[in-house]
């Protein structure tokens, strides 16, 4: 007897068939927040941007979440900067 791909039962799966390991969602969210803080965002702004990105981004990948969070930061005016304008 063989699998649908022709391998005999008991044989090791093909490398393409092994899914990549995934981190728990909480770890991905924490890593995204850390990435934004490392880029210079205030922790509370990073937290808010990641929370908005999680609500909009169902991908679950760290890279996609960071990109979405960065997009969210560009959509939100910085109240500190708006008060400094002449």
C-alpha atoms as a PDB file:
ATOM      1  CA  UNK A   1       0.000   0.000   0.000  1.00  0.00           C
ATOM      2  CA  UNK A   2       1.160   3.520  -0.720  1.00  0.00           C
ATOM      3  CA  UNK A   3       0.188   7.099   0.015  1.00  0.00           C
ATOM      4  CA  UNK A   4      -1.445   9.207  -2.693  1.00  0.00           C
ATOM      5  CA  UNK A   5       1.981  10.662  -3.531  1.00  0.00           C
ATOM      6  CA  UNK A   6       3.416   7.176  -4.116  1.00  0.00           C
ATOM      7  CA  UNK A   7       5.438   6.862  -0.911  1.00  0.00           C
ATOM      8  CA  UNK A   8       5.004   3.631   1.015  1.00  0.00           C
ATOM      9  CA  UNK A   9       3.268   3.848   4.370  1.00  0.00           C
ATOM     10  CA  UNK A  10       5.785   4.494   7.149  1.00  0.00           C
ATOM     11  CA  UNK A  11       8.116   6.468   4.895  1.00  0.00           C
ATOM     12  CA  UNK A  12       9.195   9.967   5.947  1.00  0.00           C
ATOM     13  CA  UNK A  13       7.051  12.775   4.546  1.00  0.00           C
ATOM     14  CA  UNK A  14       8.383  14.814   1.680  1.00  0.00           C
ATOM     15  CA  UNK A  15      10.041  18.085   2.810  1.00  0.00           C
ATOM     16  CA  UNK A  16       7.345  20.116   1.004  1.00  0.00           C
ATOM     17  CA  UNK A  17       4.651  18.326   3.000  1.00  0.00           C
ATOM     18  CA  UNK A  18       5.993  19.444   6.375  1.00  0.00           C
ATOM     19  CA  UNK A  19       4.361  22.724   7.401  1.00  0.00           C
ATOM     20  CA  UNK A  20       6.672  25.377   8.843  1.00  0.00           C
ATOM     21  CA  UNK A  21       6.472  25.810  12.601  1.00  0.00           C
ATOM     22  CA  UNK A  22       4.171  28.566  13.732  1.00  0.00           C
ATOM     23  CA  UNK A  23       4.472  30.691  16.831  1.00  0.00           C
ATOM     24  CA  UNK A  24       1.492  31.136  19.122  1.00  0.00           C
ATOM     25  CA  UNK A  25      -0.576  34.215  18.295  1.00  0.00           C
ATOM     26  CA  UNK A  26       0.369  35.919  21.565  1.00  0.00           C
ATOM     27  CA  UNK A  27       4.067  35.615  20.721  1.00  0.00           C
ATOM     28  CA  UNK A  28       3.549  37.030  17.212  1.00  0.00           C
ATOM     29  CA  UNK A  29       1.665  40.016  18.653  1.00  0.00           C
ATOM     30  CA  UNK A  30       4.371  40.612  21.257  1.00  0.00           C
ATOM     31  CA  UNK A  31       7.075  40.371  18.588  1.00  0.00           C
ATOM     32  CA  UNK A  32       5.228  42.875  16.382  1.00  0.00           C
ATOM     33  CA  UNK A  33       4.955  45.338  19.303  1.00  0.00           C
ATOM     34  CA  UNK A  34       8.645  44.895  20.049  1.00  0.00           C
ATOM     35  CA  UNK A  35       9.518  45.515  16.404  1.00  0.00           C
ATOM     36  CA  UNK A  36       7.638  48.824  16.387  1.00  0.00           C
ATOM     37  CA  UNK A  37       9.208  49.936  19.669  1.00  0.00           C
ATOM     38  CA  UNK A  38      12.630  49.021  18.281  1.00  0.00           C
ATOM     39  CA  UNK A  39      11.868  51.200  15.268  1.00  0.00           C
ATOM     40  CA  UNK A  40      11.304  54.124  17.634  1.00  0.00           C
ATOM     41  CA  UNK A  41       7.560  54.117  18.283  1.00  0.00           C
ATOM     42  CA  UNK A  42       6.354  54.763  21.812  1.00  0.00           C
ATOM     43  CA  UNK A  43       5.181  51.550  23.519  1.00  0.00           C
ATOM     44  CA  UNK A  44       1.586  52.771  23.842  1.00  0.00           C
ATOM     45  CA  UNK A  45       1.507  53.761  20.147  1.00  0.00           C
ATOM     46  CA  UNK A  46       3.014  50.421  19.145  1.00  0.00           C
ATOM     47  CA  UNK A  47       0.426  48.592  21.259  1.00  0.00           C
ATOM     48  CA  UNK A  48      -2.438  50.538  19.697  1.00  0.00           C
ATOM     49  CA  UNK A  49      -1.172  50.076  16.139  1.00  0.00           C
ATOM     50  CA  UNK A  50      -0.680  46.343  16.588  1.00  0.00           C
ATOM     51  CA  UNK A  51      -4.141  46.003  18.140  1.00  0.00           C
ATOM     52  CA  UNK A  52      -5.703  47.775  15.145  1.00  0.00           C
ATOM     53  CA  UNK A  53      -3.630  45.668  12.755  1.00  0.00           C
ATOM     54  CA  UNK A  54      -4.719  42.438  14.454  1.00  0.00           C
ATOM     55  CA  UNK A  55      -8.337  43.490  13.981  1.00  0.00           C
ATOM     56  CA  UNK A  56      -7.772  44.023  10.243  1.00  0.00           C
ATOM     57  CA  UNK A  57      -5.119  41.415   9.429  1.00  0.00           C
ATOM     58  CA  UNK A  58      -6.161  37.787   9.622  1.00  0.00           C
ATOM     59  CA  UNK A  59      -2.936  36.534   8.058  1.00  0.00           C
ATOM     60  CA  UNK A  60      -1.234  35.564  11.301  1.00  0.00           C
ATOM     61  CA  UNK A  61       2.295  35.987   9.941  1.00  0.00           C
ATOM     62  CA  UNK A  62       4.660  38.259  11.874  1.00  0.00           C
ATOM     63  CA  UNK A  63       5.883  40.131   8.807  1.00  0.00           C
ATOM     64  CA  UNK A  64       2.360  40.882   7.626  1.00  0.00           C
ATOM     65  CA  UNK A  65       1.314  42.041  11.065  1.00  0.00           C
ATOM     66  CA  UNK A  66       4.272  44.426  11.311  1.00  0.00           C
ATOM     67  CA  UNK A  67       3.505  45.888   7.877  1.00  0.00           C
ATOM     68  CA  UNK A  68      -0.174  46.306   8.805  1.00  0.00           C
ATOM     69  CA  UNK A  69       0.763  47.936  12.118  1.00  0.00           C
ATOM     70  CA  UNK A  70       3.095  50.351  10.337  1.00  0.00           C
ATOM     71  CA  UNK A  71       0.261  51.256   7.979  1.00  0.00           C
ATOM     72  CA  UNK A  72      -1.971  51.847  10.987  1.00  0.00           C
ATOM     73  CA  UNK A  73       0.581  54.239  12.508  1.00  0.00           C
ATOM     74  CA  UNK A  74       0.624  56.304   9.328  1.00  0.00           C
ATOM     75  CA  UNK A  75      -3.169  56.671   9.501  1.00  0.00           C
ATOM     76  CA  UNK A  76      -3.230  58.028  13.034  1.00  0.00           C
ATOM     77  CA  UNK A  77      -2.223  61.673  13.607  1.00  0.00           C
ATOM     78  CA  UNK A  78       0.312  62.201  16.361  1.00  0.00           C
ATOM     79  CA  UNK A  79      -1.346  64.579  18.872  1.00  0.00           C
ATOM     80  CA  UNK A  80       2.057  65.750  20.128  1.00  0.00           C
ATOM     81  CA  UNK A  81       3.169  66.809  16.659  1.00  0.00           C
ATOM     82  CA  UNK A  82      -0.105  68.505  15.738  1.00  0.00           C
ATOM     83  CA  UNK A  83       0.139  70.749  18.803  1.00  0.00           C
ATOM     84  CA  UNK A  84       3.673  71.821  17.828  1.00  0.00           C
ATOM     85  CA  UNK A  85       2.732  73.144  14.387  1.00  0.00           C
ATOM     86  CA  UNK A  86       2.744  76.918  14.023  1.00  0.00           C
END
